[in-house]
């Protein structure tokens, strides 16, 4: 599973977008950035967003129990 954190793009935003592949996440992140932050997803913005997509690390059992 892959994940994109909007806060990694410099926004004070708690949105996390998860998906099976980068294209799916990029599409949803583009919609979010336009609808919520008023950004038009240009080629450069999409390229920047793509770099922020990462593999989601599974949470350890200890972390889950302490939440």
Protein backbone atom coordinates (compact mmCIF):
# COMPACT_ATOMS: atom_id res chain seq x y z
CA UNK A 1 0.00 0.00 0.00
CA UNK A 2 1.25 3.48 -0.86
CA UNK A 3 0.45 6.73 0.97
CA UNK A 4 0.61 10.48 0.38
CA UNK A 5 0.52 12.91 3.31
CA UNK A 6 -0.66 16.36 2.29
CA UNK A 7 1.33 17.93 5.16
CA UNK A 8 4.52 16.72 3.44
CA UNK A 9 3.71 19.16 0.64
CA UNK A 10 3.85 22.03 3.14
CA UNK A 11 0.18 22.39 4.00
CA UNK A 12 -1.32 22.45 7.48
CA UNK A 13 -3.55 19.56 6.43
CA UNK A 14 -4.19 16.15 7.95
CA UNK A 15 -5.35 14.43 4.74
CA UNK A 16 -3.71 11.08 4.01
CA UNK A 17 -4.38 9.42 0.66
CA UNK A 18 -3.76 5.70 0.32
CA UNK A 19 -3.87 3.53 -2.74
CA UNK A 20 -2.41 0.54 -4.51
CA UNK A 21 -0.41 2.55 -7.02
CA UNK A 22 1.08 6.00 -7.58
CA UNK A 23 -1.29 6.90 -10.43
CA UNK A 24 -4.35 6.36 -8.25
CA UNK A 25 -2.90 8.44 -5.42
CA UNK A 26 -1.72 11.17 -7.77
CA UNK A 27 -5.22 11.49 -9.25
CA UNK A 28 -6.82 11.79 -5.80
CA UNK A 29 -4.10 14.13 -4.50
CA UNK A 30 -4.60 16.35 -7.55
CA UNK A 31 -8.33 16.57 -6.88
CA UNK A 32 -7.71 17.29 -3.21
CA UNK A 33 -5.12 19.98 -3.90
CA UNK A 34 -7.48 21.71 -6.33
CA UNK A 35 -10.70 21.43 -4.29
CA UNK A 36 -9.25 22.14 -0.84
CA UNK A 37 -6.12 24.20 -1.42
CA UNK A 38 -7.07 25.93 -4.69
CA UNK A 39 -4.06 24.64 -6.62
CA UNK A 40 -4.28 23.78 -10.26
CA UNK A 41 -2.38 20.48 -10.62
CA UNK A 42 0.23 21.54 -13.19
CA UNK A 43 2.96 19.26 -14.44
CA UNK A 44 5.43 20.54 -11.83
CA UNK A 45 2.97 20.13 -8.95
CA UNK A 46 2.15 16.58 -10.07
CA UNK A 47 5.86 15.81 -10.29
CA UNK A 48 6.38 17.17 -6.76
CA UNK A 49 3.42 15.18 -5.43
CA UNK A 50 4.68 11.99 -7.07
CA UNK A 51 7.97 12.35 -5.17
CA UNK A 52 6.07 12.53 -1.86
CA UNK A 53 4.25 9.22 -2.38
CA UNK A 54 5.85 6.48 -0.32
CA UNK A 55 5.34 2.94 0.83
CA UNK A 56 3.21 2.84 3.93
CA UNK A 57 5.02 1.21 6.81
CA UNK A 58 2.90 -1.17 8.88
CA UNK A 59 2.39 0.01 12.43
CA UNK A 60 4.01 -2.06 15.11
CA UNK A 61 1.78 -3.88 17.59
CA UNK A 62 3.18 -1.72 20.40
CA UNK A 63 2.16 1.49 18.57
CA UNK A 64 -1.36 0.15 17.96
CA UNK A 65 -1.80 -0.77 21.63
CA UNK A 66 -0.70 2.68 22.85
CA UNK A 67 -3.10 4.63 20.66
